[in-house]
Amino acid sequence: MTIRDGDGNAGSVPQESAFWRQLFATLPAPVIVADNSGGSSTPQSEALLSRRKTWIDRLFAGEQSFANSPDKIVILQNGVEIEDVPIDPLGSWTIVGRHPGAHIRLDAHRLGLLHAAFQKKDGRFYLRAIDLEYGTLLDRKRIKAGVPVLLRDGSLVDVPGYQLRIHLANSVATAGEEIVESEELATIPSYFHAPSPTSAAPANLAEDRAAIALWSGGVTRLTVAEVIEETADAKTFRLVGEKPLLFSYRPGQFVSLLLTIDGESIERSYSISSSPSRPHVLELTVKRVPGGRVSNWLCDHVVPGQQLTIKGPAGTFSCFDCPASKMLFIGAGSGITPMMSMCRWIVDTTTDVDVKLLVSFKSAADIIFRKELELISARHACFRVAVTLTSARPEQTESWTGLTGRFDKSMIHALVPDLDQRHVFLCGPEPFAAEVRRILHELGFDQARLHSESFGPSRIAGGSKRMPKSLALSEPRHRVHFIKSGRTVETDEIVTLLELAEAHGIEMAYACRSGSCAECEVSFTGTLSEKPEFEKNCRRKQNGIAFACCSVALSDLEVEA
């Protein structure tokens, strides 16, 4: 709902040029910075710096609190209060946005440099929307840009990534004022905050835990409880059961999302970033990728309250069964997601293991889970985190005081001098993973203690059912008998058993197609060869078990499929 301006005249809106002159005239004196990235802020006076603290910070510090100020703006992120700003000391104009000179400086994807402005006039408090592309909401309705809107006690202002709650204990009566039309939105865009659905029976989550259903595998439908913006191009989707549900899986595993996009059934695998030590929720952290049809669709369209179907869990990339007392996690970009699941599990369960985490990102703004990693490293003596930035653009690393450049032999040797005593868990884009494998080989690391997960194209499960196709076979050739199907077909030493089965319409389970999930595990007799990284597990192959997605025949075979 919007209301005409303080003079009571619909035609009293200032001329556009005058409005912008007033706006920019106010910029040189910042009041408050809500720094979302953890970086340093513009130097300010001691009095203004005190306003950056939340009321709870000031309470524990024994400082003056503005929590009881009669008139104030309370800033919320993800529904949680992070700042409160008393209105009395503010000037006639207060600018909200990402601009370095904004009075209330916020940092969020899609938030404009100058996004909105508050105006004090004739004892009243007004809001003006400035950004035209993504807009500003007042009480969940979109308001027109440039039109002053009178605020009341309790008014809720939404800008991308944040909410501003207005407290006006001394607000004047507004009865009889003309209401100006605002836009009622059928769906609130995902870049505005949406409250999490209320649990059906929150008390039962603790009191009747034994009666709560347990999900440890299979296909199930879940509700999106919250969408957390980790970086400008990465989001965490927090999922819960339609009814109270506990999730059981191994840290580091992944699930497959069963989606319908533009009428097409698509299946994609994503690592679980949450930990089974926090069993009431399942979290998937998804990073946008150029041309990524599913990842970008998830980030653009999935909102709280929506339902998603998952299948799983799957994957053998997990520290769960590793007996090592020392571990090294190496990741890049979204490869941190299964690492985060394992990190959370280790610290939650106080597992007696020494962990070093080395992660690589393009810029400081791209660091996923940055604040949580800092907290884990600060609170757990057995945990050490090192982050390096790889961007060649100075503006993306100029305020960064940590490591820069790609991981190389000297950096890994300096950070992990006891490398030969550790099990290594590696996850990231294939070029990154290949380079780390090369470095580990040069350092003489025992490859039998290397555990890796692929995030390349092979990590994507197929969408629809694959149709039989013809194969162009090379020499030498062998015959493979699929026992359950009763089919005997010809193959060479290049085509994998999974590709062979698909080419002849033989059903065979799979998920990742990279040897990470064990869904395509089959029994066999004969001689075959697996990808080098799986050849080290000789015991499995000696017992007649192989992963069909990465195994090729070296003799005639019989396969249980």
Protein backbone atom coordinates (compact mmCIF):
# COMPACT_ATOMS: atom_id res chain seq x y z
CA MET A 1 0.00 0.00 0.00
CA THR A 2 1.40 3.40 -0.86
CA ILE A 3 0.27 6.81 0.35
CA ARG A 4 0.57 10.29 -1.03
CA ASP A 5 3.34 12.52 0.25
CA GLY A 6 3.59 14.57 3.44
CA ASP A 7 2.11 17.73 2.00
CA GLY A 8 -1.14 15.91 1.23
CA ASN A 9 -1.04 16.84 -2.45
CA ALA A 10 -0.78 14.29 -5.20
CA GLY A 11 1.03 16.80 -7.39
CA SER A 12 3.68 17.71 -4.84
CA VAL A 13 6.25 15.12 -5.95
CA PRO A 14 9.55 17.00 -6.59
CA GLN A 15 10.82 17.28 -10.15
CA GLU A 16 13.03 14.33 -11.13
CA SER A 17 16.20 16.44 -11.48
CA ALA A 18 15.63 18.09 -8.11
CA PHE A 19 15.11 14.69 -6.53
CA TRP A 20 18.44 13.35 -7.84
CA ARG A 21 20.28 16.53 -6.80
CA GLN A 22 18.95 16.08 -3.27
CA LEU A 23 19.83 12.41 -3.35
CA PHE A 24 23.48 12.77 -4.37
CA ALA A 25 23.98 15.75 -2.10
CA THR A 26 23.54 13.41 0.87
CA LEU A 27 26.07 10.73 -0.17
CA PRO A 28 29.36 11.94 1.40
CA ALA A 29 28.38 11.05 5.00
CA PRO A 30 27.85 7.31 5.43
CA VAL A 31 26.00 6.23 8.56
CA ILE A 32 26.04 2.44 8.69
CA VAL A 33 27.58 -0.42 6.79
CA ALA A 34 26.12 -3.92 6.98
CA ASP A 35 29.10 -5.82 5.57
CA ASN A 36 27.87 -9.15 4.23
CA SER A 37 31.25 -10.32 2.94
CA GLY A 38 33.27 -9.95 6.11
CA GLY A 39 35.54 -7.31 4.56
CA SER A 40 36.55 -3.98 6.05
CA SER A 41 34.29 -0.95 5.86
CA THR A 42 34.89 2.72 5.10
CA PRO A 43 36.44 4.54 8.12
CA GLN A 44 33.74 6.25 10.17
CA SER A 45 33.46 8.16 13.42
CA GLU A 46 33.43 6.24 16.69
CA ALA A 47 29.80 7.18 17.28
CA LEU A 48 28.76 5.90 13.86
CA LEU A 49 30.81 2.71 14.20
CA SER A 50 28.88 1.88 17.38
CA ARG A 51 25.70 1.85 15.33
CA ARG A 52 27.09 -0.99 13.17
CA LYS A 53 26.69 -3.38 16.10
CA THR A 54 23.43 -5.18 16.64
CA TRP A 55 21.58 -4.59 19.85
CA ILE A 56 22.70 -7.98 21.18
CA ASP A 57 26.37 -7.09 20.47
CA ARG A 58 26.00 -3.86 22.42
CA LEU A 59 24.16 -5.62 25.24
CA PHE A 60 26.99 -8.08 25.87
CA ALA A 61 29.59 -5.32 25.47
CA GLY A 62 27.85 -3.24 28.14
CA GLU A 63 27.40 -0.37 25.71
CA GLN A 64 24.45 1.89 25.08
CA SER A 65 21.76 0.02 23.16
CA PHE A 66 19.47 1.48 20.59
CA ALA A 67 17.14 -1.50 20.93
CA ASN A 68 14.73 0.64 22.90
CA SER A 69 15.01 3.68 20.64
CA PRO A 70 11.45 4.79 19.92
CA ASP A 71 12.07 5.34 16.19
CA LYS A 72 14.47 3.07 14.31
CA ILE A 73 15.12 0.94 11.23
CA VAL A 74 15.82 -2.71 12.01
CA ILE A 75 17.78 -4.52 9.26
CA LEU A 76 17.13 -8.23 8.86
CA GLN A 77 18.90 -10.84 6.74
CA ASN A 78 17.30 -14.27 6.27
CA GLY A 79 14.75 -13.20 8.88
CA VAL A 80 17.42 -12.50 11.53
CA GLU A 81 18.17 -9.02 12.91
CA ILE A 82 21.70 -7.95 12.03
CA GLU A 83 21.61 -4.16 12.59
CA ASP A 84 19.36 -1.48 14.05
CA VAL A 85 19.61 2.19 13.10
CA PRO A 86 18.04 4.98 15.19
CA ILE A 87 16.13 7.36 12.98
CA ASP A 88 16.61 10.57 15.01
CA PRO A 89 20.30 11.12 14.08
CA LEU A 90 19.63 10.53 10.38
CA GLY A 91 19.66 13.45 7.98
CA SER A 92 16.77 14.42 5.74
CA TRP A 93 17.82 11.74 3.22
CA THR A 94 19.11 8.23 3.94
CA ILE A 95 20.29 6.16 0.95
CA VAL A 96 20.17 2.35 0.92
CA GLY A 97 22.31 0.38 -1.56
CA ARG A 98 25.70 -1.06 -2.50
CA HIS A 99 27.28 2.31 -3.32
CA PRO A 100 30.36 2.96 -1.09
CA GLY A 101 28.78 6.23 -0.03
CA ALA A 102 25.34 4.86 0.79
CA HIS A 103 24.21 5.67 4.31
CA ILE A 104 22.89 2.14 4.83
CA ARG A 105 25.30 0.08 2.80
CA LEU A 106 24.21 -3.50 2.13
CA ASP A 107 25.72 -6.19 -0.06
CA ALA A 108 23.51 -8.64 -1.95
CA HIS A 109 23.06 -9.96 -5.48
CA ARG A 110 20.56 -7.82 -7.44
CA LEU A 111 20.70 -4.96 -4.90
CA GLY A 112 21.24 -1.68 -6.75
CA LEU A 113 24.08 0.73 -6.06
CA LEU A 114 21.42 3.24 -5.04
CA HIS A 115 18.40 1.07 -4.41
CA ALA A 116 16.04 3.07 -2.19
CA ALA A 117 15.97 6.19 -0.05
CA PHE A 118 14.30 7.25 3.19
CA GLN A 119 13.23 10.87 3.62
CA LYS A 120 12.37 12.78 6.79
CA LYS A 121 9.97 15.62 6.10
CA ASP A 122 7.58 17.59 8.29
CA GLY A 123 7.92 15.07 11.11
CA ARG A 124 7.07 12.13 8.89
CA PHE A 125 9.14 9.31 7.37
CA TYR A 126 8.91 8.41 3.68
CA LEU A 127 10.30 5.75 1.38
CA ARG A 128 11.29 6.24 -2.26
CA ALA A 129 12.16 3.30 -4.51
CA ILE A 130 15.05 4.07 -6.88
CA ASP A 131 16.05 0.80 -8.55
CA LEU A 132 13.85 0.08 -11.57
CA GLU A 133 15.04 -3.42 -12.45
CA TYR A 134 14.45 -5.42 -9.27
CA GLY A 135 12.34 -2.95 -7.31
CA THR A 136 11.40 -2.40 -3.68
CA LEU A 137 8.49 -3.87 -1.74
CA LEU A 138 6.50 -2.24 1.01
CA ASP A 139 4.47 -4.69 3.06
CA ARG A 140 5.11 -7.27 0.29
CA LYS A 141 3.74 -5.03 -2.52
CA ARG A 142 5.90 -3.40 -5.21
CA ILE A 143 5.95 0.39 -5.08
CA LYS A 144 6.58 2.75 -7.98
CA ALA A 145 10.06 4.23 -8.31
CA GLY A 146 10.42 7.92 -7.45
CA VAL A 147 7.07 8.26 -5.66
CA PRO A 148 7.29 9.15 -1.93
CA VAL A 149 5.47 6.63 0.23
CA LEU A 150 4.54 7.42 3.81
CA LEU A 151 5.77 4.85 6.34
CA ARG A 152 3.93 3.80 9.48
CA ASP A 153 4.99 1.97 12.60
CA GLY A 154 5.56 -1.67 11.64
CA SER A 155 6.04 -1.04 7.90
CA LEU A 156 8.18 -3.75 6.27
CA VAL A 157 10.46 -2.77 3.40
CA ASP A 158 11.95 -5.50 1.19
CA VAL A 159 15.06 -5.01 -0.93
CA PRO A 160 16.99 -7.91 -2.51
CA GLY A 161 18.66 -9.93 0.24
CA TYR A 162 17.37 -7.84 3.17
CA GLN A 163 14.30 -6.58 4.99
CA LEU A 164 14.01 -3.24 6.80
CA ARG A 165 11.45 -3.13 9.62
CA ILE A 166 10.33 0.41 10.51
CA HIS A 167 9.59 1.27 14.14
CA LEU A 168 7.87 4.65 14.59
CA ALA A 169 6.56 4.94 18.13
CA ASN A 170 5.70 8.59 17.59
CA SER A 171 4.20 8.28 14.11
CA VAL A 172 1.39 10.70 13.37
CA ALA A 173 -2.11 9.63 12.44
CA THR A 174 -2.63 8.97 8.75
CA ALA A 175 -6.37 8.49 8.62
CA GLY A 176 -8.06 9.95 5.60
CA GLU A 177 -4.95 10.18 3.45
CA GLU A 178 -5.31 9.12 -0.16
CA ILE A 179 -3.95 5.65 -0.94
CA VAL A 180 -1.82 5.41 -4.07
CA GLU A 181 -2.03 2.19 -6.05
CA SER A 182 0.78 -0.38 -5.64
CA GLU A 183 1.43 -3.65 -7.46
CA GLU A 184 0.16 -6.85 -5.85
CA LEU A 185 2.58 -9.62 -6.84
CA ALA A 186 1.24 -13.10 -7.54
CA THR A 187 4.64 -14.54 -6.65
CA ILE A 188 7.34 -12.83 -4.59
CA PRO A 189 10.65 -13.09 -6.56
CA SER A 190 13.23 -15.40 -4.97
CA TYR A 191 15.74 -12.57 -4.37
CA PHE A 192 13.38 -11.19 -1.71
CA HIS A 193 13.25 -12.98 1.63
CA ALA A 194 10.48 -15.53 2.13
CA PRO A 195 9.73 -16.82 5.64
CA SER A 196 10.33 -20.52 6.23
CA PRO A 197 7.24 -22.72 6.45
CA THR A 198 6.20 -23.35 10.02
CA SER A 199 6.85 -26.88 11.22
CA ALA A 200 3.68 -28.91 11.66
CA ALA A 201 4.68 -30.18 15.09
CA PRO A 202 7.91 -28.54 16.36
CA ALA A 203 7.55 -29.96 19.88
CA ASN A 204 7.38 -33.49 18.50
CA LEU A 205 10.79 -33.08 16.90
CA ALA A 206 12.32 -33.44 20.37
CA GLU A 207 9.67 -35.17 22.45
CA ASP A 208 8.67 -37.92 20.02
CA ARG A 209 11.87 -38.30 18.05
CA ALA A 210 11.67 -42.10 18.08
CA ALA A 211 8.37 -41.87 16.19
CA ILE A 212 9.77 -39.65 13.40
CA ALA A 213 10.25 -41.38 10.06
CA LEU A 214 13.84 -42.05 8.97
CA TRP A 215 14.98 -41.58 5.36
CA SER A 216 18.09 -43.52 4.50
CA GLY A 217 17.49 -44.15 0.83
CA GLY A 218 15.05 -44.26 -2.06
CA VAL A 219 12.91 -41.62 -3.73
CA THR A 220 11.17 -39.06 -1.54
CA ARG A 221 9.50 -35.67 -1.92
CA LEU A 222 10.83 -32.80 0.19
CA THR A 223 9.82 -29.20 0.86
CA VAL A 224 12.17 -26.25 0.44
CA ALA A 225 12.23 -24.67 3.90
CA GLU A 226 14.73 -21.94 3.11
CA VAL A 227 16.96 -20.64 0.32
CA ILE A 228 20.25 -19.17 1.54
CA GLU A 229 22.29 -16.94 -0.75
CA GLU A 230 25.88 -18.04 -0.07
CA THR A 231 27.46 -15.86 -2.78
CA ALA A 232 26.19 -13.94 -5.79
CA ASP A 233 26.11 -17.17 -7.80
CA ALA A 234 25.67 -19.92 -5.20
CA LYS A 235 22.63 -20.84 -3.11
CA THR A 236 21.93 -23.42 -0.43
CA PHE A 237 18.54 -25.11 -0.57
CA ARG A 238 17.47 -26.31 2.88
CA LEU A 239 15.05 -29.22 2.52
CA VAL A 240 12.74 -30.84 5.06
CA GLY A 241 10.20 -33.64 4.91
CA GLU A 242 6.58 -32.90 4.11
CA LYS A 243 6.07 -34.39 7.58
CA PRO A 244 8.83 -34.43 10.22
CA LEU A 245 11.64 -36.57 8.80
CA LEU A 246 15.16 -37.53 9.86
CA PHE A 247 17.86 -37.93 7.20
CA SER A 248 20.50 -40.64 7.37
CA TYR A 249 23.45 -40.67 4.95
CA ARG A 250 27.23 -40.61 4.94
CA PRO A 251 28.94 -37.19 4.93
CA GLY A 252 30.21 -36.52 1.42
CA GLN A 253 27.50 -38.45 -0.42
CA PHE A 254 25.18 -36.95 -3.02
CA VAL A 255 21.55 -37.19 -4.09
CA SER A 256 19.92 -36.94 -7.50
CA LEU A 257 17.19 -34.38 -8.11
CA LEU A 258 14.34 -35.66 -10.29
CA LEU A 259 13.08 -32.56 -12.05
CA THR A 260 10.73 -31.56 -14.84
CA ILE A 261 11.97 -28.50 -16.72
CA ASP A 262 10.04 -27.22 -19.74
CA GLY A 263 8.18 -30.53 -19.90
CA GLU A 264 11.35 -32.63 -19.95
CA SER A 265 12.30 -35.09 -17.21
CA ILE A 266 15.84 -34.39 -16.04
CA GLU A 267 18.00 -36.00 -13.37
CA ARG A 268 20.98 -34.21 -11.86
CA SER A 269 23.27 -35.16 -8.99
CA TYR A 270 24.32 -32.69 -6.30
CA SER A 271 26.50 -33.28 -3.25
CA ILE A 272 24.85 -32.95 0.15
CA SER A 273 26.44 -30.02 1.98
CA SER A 274 24.70 -30.62 5.32
CA SER A 275 25.81 -33.21 7.85
CA PRO A 276 23.94 -36.29 9.15
CA SER A 277 24.81 -34.98 12.62
CA ARG A 278 22.04 -32.41 11.96
CA PRO A 279 19.42 -34.90 10.77
CA HIS A 280 16.27 -32.76 10.54
CA VAL A 281 17.35 -31.01 7.33
CA LEU A 282 19.05 -31.93 4.07
CA GLU A 283 20.97 -29.15 2.33
CA LEU A 284 22.16 -28.88 -1.27
CA THR A 285 24.47 -26.04 -2.28
CA VAL A 286 24.24 -25.21 -5.98
CA LYS A 287 26.55 -22.89 -7.91
CA ARG A 288 25.62 -21.28 -11.18
CA VAL A 289 27.69 -22.35 -14.18
CA PRO A 290 27.76 -20.84 -17.68
CA GLY A 291 25.13 -22.65 -19.71
CA GLY A 292 24.17 -24.80 -16.73
CA ARG A 293 20.58 -25.63 -17.51
CA VAL A 294 19.65 -27.26 -14.21
CA SER A 295 21.90 -25.37 -11.77
CA ASN A 296 20.82 -22.01 -13.15
CA TRP A 297 17.15 -23.08 -13.20
CA LEU A 298 17.37 -24.05 -9.52
CA CYS A 299 18.93 -20.71 -8.56
CA ASP A 300 16.38 -18.74 -10.59
CA HIS A 301 13.12 -20.57 -9.84
CA VAL A 302 13.21 -22.60 -6.61
CA VAL A 303 11.69 -20.72 -3.65
CA PRO A 304 10.65 -21.63 -0.09
CA GLY A 305 7.53 -23.77 0.01
CA GLN A 306 8.29 -25.46 -3.31
CA GLN A 307 8.65 -29.25 -3.42
CA LEU A 308 11.52 -31.23 -4.91
CA THR A 309 11.91 -34.97 -5.49
CA ILE A 310 15.24 -36.58 -4.63
CA LYS A 311 16.75 -40.03 -5.08
CA GLY A 312 19.68 -41.36 -3.08
CA PRO A 313 21.84 -41.10 -1.17
CA ALA A 314 24.72 -42.39 -3.27
CA GLY A 315 28.47 -42.10 -3.50
CA THR A 316 31.60 -43.55 -1.91
CA PHE A 317 33.38 -40.21 -1.44
CA SER A 318 33.21 -40.01 2.35
CA CYS A 319 35.53 -39.85 5.34
CA PHE A 320 33.02 -41.92 7.28
CA ASP A 321 34.84 -45.22 6.94
CA CYS A 322 38.35 -43.79 6.73
CA PRO A 323 40.45 -44.87 9.73
CA ALA A 324 42.98 -42.05 9.32
CA SER A 325 43.79 -39.77 12.25
CA LYS A 326 44.96 -37.08 9.82
CA MET A 327 43.12 -35.89 6.70
CA LEU A 328 43.65 -33.29 4.01
CA PHE A 329 40.67 -31.90 2.07
CA ILE A 330 41.52 -30.14 -1.21
CA GLY A 331 38.76 -28.48 -3.22
CA ALA A 332 37.91 -25.69 -5.64
CA GLY A 333 34.67 -23.81 -6.28
CA SER A 334 31.58 -25.90 -5.72
CA GLY A 335 33.86 -28.84 -4.95
CA ILE A 336 33.75 -27.60 -1.38
CA THR A 337 30.18 -28.89 -0.90
CA PRO A 338 30.93 -32.54 -0.01
CA MET A 339 33.95 -31.33 1.97
CA MET A 340 31.66 -29.09 4.01
CA SER A 341 29.43 -32.04 4.83
CA MET A 342 32.45 -33.96 6.14
CA CYS A 343 33.82 -30.92 8.00
CA ARG A 344 30.51 -30.35 9.76
CA TRP A 345 30.25 -34.02 10.69
CA ILE A 346 33.79 -34.11 12.11
CA VAL A 347 33.35 -31.01 14.30
CA ASP A 348 29.78 -31.90 15.37
CA THR A 349 30.82 -35.36 16.54
CA THR A 350 34.21 -34.19 17.91
CA THR A 351 35.84 -36.97 15.93
CA ASP A 352 39.49 -37.40 16.92
CA VAL A 353 41.03 -36.42 13.60
CA ASP A 354 43.40 -33.67 12.52
CA VAL A 355 42.00 -31.90 9.44
CA LYS A 356 43.52 -29.42 7.02
CA LEU A 357 41.25 -27.89 4.38
CA LEU A 358 42.78 -26.23 1.32
CA VAL A 359 40.27 -24.55 -1.00
CA SER A 360 40.62 -22.39 -4.08
CA PHE A 361 38.20 -19.69 -5.29
CA LYS A 362 38.32 -17.04 -7.98
CA SER A 363 37.80 -14.03 -5.67
CA ALA A 364 36.91 -13.24 -2.07
CA ALA A 365 33.29 -12.71 -3.09
CA ASP A 366 33.20 -16.29 -4.44
CA ILE A 367 34.18 -18.00 -1.17
CA ILE A 368 31.31 -20.33 -0.30
CA PHE A 369 30.73 -20.88 3.46
CA ARG A 370 33.39 -18.27 4.26
CA LYS A 371 32.11 -17.21 7.68
CA GLU A 372 31.39 -20.77 8.80
CA LEU A 373 34.86 -21.90 7.75
CA GLU A 374 36.37 -19.05 9.75
CA LEU A 375 34.28 -20.03 12.77
CA ILE A 376 35.18 -23.72 12.53
CA SER A 377 38.86 -22.91 12.22
CA ALA A 378 38.70 -20.54 15.21
CA ARG A 379 36.76 -22.89 17.51
CA HIS A 380 38.37 -26.25 16.76
CA ALA A 381 42.06 -26.73 17.42
CA CYS A 382 42.23 -29.80 15.17
CA PHE A 383 40.94 -27.85 12.17
CA ARG A 384 42.97 -25.56 9.90
CA VAL A 385 41.67 -23.78 6.80
CA ALA A 386 43.69 -22.20 3.99
CA VAL A 387 42.04 -20.33 1.11
CA THR A 388 43.76 -19.11 -2.04
CA LEU A 389 42.33 -16.77 -4.67
CA THR A 390 43.14 -17.31 -8.34
CA SER A 391 41.69 -14.27 -10.13
CA ALA A 392 44.14 -12.34 -12.28
CA ARG A 393 42.05 -9.16 -11.88
CA PRO A 394 43.62 -6.93 -9.18
CA GLU A 395 40.28 -5.39 -8.16
CA GLN A 396 39.04 -8.85 -7.07
CA THR A 397 41.98 -9.53 -4.76
CA GLU A 398 43.32 -6.09 -3.75
CA SER A 399 41.79 -6.22 -0.24
CA TRP A 400 42.75 -9.88 0.22
CA THR A 401 45.67 -10.54 2.59
CA GLY A 402 45.69 -14.33 2.28
CA LEU A 403 47.11 -16.74 -0.28
CA THR A 404 46.83 -16.04 -4.01
CA GLY A 405 47.47 -18.18 -7.06
CA ARG A 406 46.73 -21.78 -7.92
CA PHE A 407 47.87 -24.63 -5.73
CA ASP A 408 51.37 -25.76 -6.65
CA LYS A 409 53.95 -28.11 -5.21
CA SER A 410 55.64 -25.52 -3.00
CA MET A 411 52.33 -24.22 -1.60
CA ILE A 412 51.03 -27.68 -0.70
CA HIS A 413 54.39 -28.69 0.78
CA ALA A 414 54.47 -25.51 2.92
CA LEU A 415 50.88 -25.84 4.12
CA VAL A 416 50.95 -29.60 4.66
CA PRO A 417 54.48 -30.69 5.59
CA ASP A 418 53.12 -33.98 6.96
CA LEU A 419 51.33 -34.85 3.69
CA ASP A 420 52.62 -38.43 3.74
CA GLN A 421 50.76 -39.04 7.04
CA ARG A 422 47.35 -38.01 5.70
CA HIS A 423 44.48 -39.39 3.65
CA VAL A 424 43.62 -36.88 0.91
CA PHE A 425 40.07 -36.10 -0.23
CA LEU A 426 40.01 -34.22 -3.54
CA CYS A 427 37.00 -32.58 -5.20
CA GLY A 428 36.68 -29.94 -7.87
CA PRO A 429 36.50 -29.33 -11.61
CA GLU A 430 38.38 -31.97 -13.59
CA PRO A 431 41.25 -29.69 -14.76
CA PHE A 432 41.85 -28.64 -11.14
CA ALA A 433 41.67 -32.23 -9.89
CA ALA A 434 44.06 -33.44 -12.61
CA GLU A 435 46.60 -30.77 -11.67
CA VAL A 436 46.41 -31.67 -7.96
CA ARG A 437 46.88 -35.35 -8.80
CA ARG A 438 49.98 -34.44 -10.79
CA ILE A 439 51.36 -32.40 -7.87
CA LEU A 440 50.69 -35.21 -5.39
CA HIS A 441 52.46 -37.65 -7.71
CA GLU A 442 55.50 -35.35 -7.91
CA LEU A 443 55.51 -35.10 -4.11
CA GLY A 444 55.64 -38.89 -3.92
CA PHE A 445 52.23 -39.22 -2.29
CA ASP A 446 50.81 -42.74 -1.98
CA GLN A 447 47.89 -42.73 -4.44
CA ALA A 448 46.21 -45.54 -2.47
CA ARG A 449 45.34 -42.90 0.14
CA LEU A 450 43.80 -40.49 -2.38
CA HIS A 451 39.99 -40.31 -2.49
CA SER A 452 38.50 -38.19 -5.27
CA GLU A 453 35.12 -37.01 -6.51
CA SER A 454 34.52 -35.70 -10.03
CA PHE A 455 32.49 -32.54 -10.70
CA GLY A 456 32.98 -32.67 -14.46
CA PRO A 457 30.48 -33.62 -17.20
CA SER A 458 30.58 -37.28 -16.18
CA ARG A 459 29.19 -36.27 -12.78
CA ILE A 460 25.82 -35.56 -14.45
CA ALA A 461 23.37 -38.43 -14.49
CA GLY A 462 21.29 -38.89 -17.59
CA GLY A 463 17.80 -37.49 -17.70
CA SER A 464 15.47 -39.65 -19.67
CA LYS A 465 15.82 -43.35 -20.33
CA ARG A 466 18.60 -44.05 -22.82
CA MET A 467 17.60 -45.76 -26.04
CA PRO A 468 19.55 -48.63 -27.59
CA LYS A 469 22.20 -47.48 -30.05
CA SER A 470 24.74 -49.05 -32.35
CA LEU A 471 28.41 -49.16 -31.38
CA ALA A 472 31.46 -48.80 -33.60
CA LEU A 473 33.71 -51.46 -32.06
CA SER A 474 37.47 -51.69 -32.47
CA GLU A 475 39.79 -54.69 -32.12
CA PRO A 476 40.35 -56.89 -30.16
CA ARG A 477 36.80 -57.97 -29.37
CA HIS A 478 35.24 -60.05 -26.60
CA ARG A 479 31.82 -61.53 -25.83
CA VAL A 480 29.84 -60.44 -22.76
CA HIS A 481 26.98 -62.54 -21.44
CA PHE A 482 24.45 -60.59 -19.31
CA ILE A 483 23.10 -63.36 -17.07
CA LYS A 484 19.78 -61.86 -15.87
CA SER A 485 18.88 -60.50 -19.30
CA GLY A 486 19.94 -63.68 -21.11
CA ARG A 487 21.76 -61.63 -23.76
CA THR A 488 25.22 -62.24 -25.20
CA VAL A 489 26.75 -59.31 -27.07
CA GLU A 490 30.09 -58.35 -28.56
CA THR A 491 32.33 -55.61 -27.17
CA ASP A 492 35.86 -54.23 -27.44
CA GLU A 493 38.39 -52.91 -24.89
CA ILE A 494 37.13 -49.32 -25.05
CA VAL A 495 33.35 -49.43 -24.44
CA THR A 496 32.40 -49.60 -20.75
CA LEU A 497 30.02 -52.27 -19.49
CA LEU A 498 27.41 -49.60 -18.75
CA GLU A 499 27.63 -48.17 -22.27
CA LEU A 500 27.45 -51.70 -23.66
CA ALA A 501 24.32 -52.49 -21.64
CA GLU A 502 22.64 -49.24 -22.70
CA ALA A 503 23.50 -49.84 -26.35
CA HIS A 504 21.59 -53.15 -26.24
CA GLY A 505 18.66 -51.98 -24.11
CA ILE A 506 19.77 -53.91 -21.02
CA GLU A 507 18.60 -52.31 -17.74
CA MET A 508 21.42 -51.37 -15.37
CA ALA A 509 21.25 -48.97 -12.43
CA TYR A 510 23.54 -45.94 -12.34
CA ALA A 511 23.67 -42.41 -10.97
CA CYS A 512 26.95 -40.54 -11.45
CA ARG A 513 28.59 -42.40 -14.37
CA SER A 514 32.01 -41.62 -12.85
CA GLY A 515 32.56 -44.44 -10.37
CA SER A 516 31.62 -42.30 -7.38
CA CYS A 517 28.21 -43.63 -6.40
CA ALA A 518 28.53 -47.45 -6.60
CA GLU A 519 24.99 -47.62 -8.05
CA CYS A 520 26.26 -49.55 -11.09
CA GLU A 521 28.20 -52.11 -9.05
CA VAL A 522 27.92 -55.57 -10.68
CA SER A 523 29.29 -59.07 -10.15
CA PHE A 524 31.35 -60.54 -12.99
CA THR A 525 33.59 -63.43 -13.98
CA GLY A 526 36.46 -62.99 -16.40
CA THR A 527 39.09 -60.29 -16.81
CA LEU A 528 38.36 -56.57 -17.00
CA SER A 529 40.07 -53.24 -16.48
CA GLU A 530 38.81 -50.23 -14.53
CA LYS A 531 39.81 -46.57 -14.63
CA PRO A 532 43.24 -46.11 -12.97
CA GLU A 533 41.81 -44.41 -9.88
CA PHE A 534 39.67 -47.49 -9.17
CA GLU A 535 42.31 -50.10 -9.99
CA LYS A 536 43.86 -49.47 -6.55
CA ASN A 537 40.88 -51.22 -4.93
CA CYS A 538 42.15 -54.65 -5.88
CA ARG A 539 40.16 -56.48 -3.20
CA ARG A 540 36.82 -55.53 -4.74
CA LYS A 541 37.86 -56.66 -8.22
CA GLN A 542 39.46 -59.85 -6.89
CA ASN A 543 36.07 -60.67 -5.34
CA GLY A 544 34.39 -60.33 -8.76
CA ILE A 545 32.79 -56.89 -8.22
CA ALA A 546 33.23 -53.90 -10.54
CA PHE A 547 31.72 -50.53 -11.38
CA ALA A 548 30.11 -50.95 -14.80
CA CYS A 549 30.47 -47.25 -15.68
CA CYS A 550 34.27 -47.36 -15.62
CA SER A 551 35.08 -50.99 -16.52
CA VAL A 552 35.97 -52.48 -19.91
CA ALA A 553 36.35 -56.13 -20.89
CA LEU A 554 39.79 -57.68 -21.41
CA SER A 555 38.37 -61.17 -22.02
CA ASP A 556 35.01 -62.84 -22.45
CA LEU A 557 32.84 -61.95 -19.44
CA GLU A 558 29.72 -63.00 -17.60
CA VAL A 559 27.97 -60.07 -15.89
CA GLU A 560 25.14 -60.28 -13.35
CA ALA A 561 22.74 -57.89 -15.09
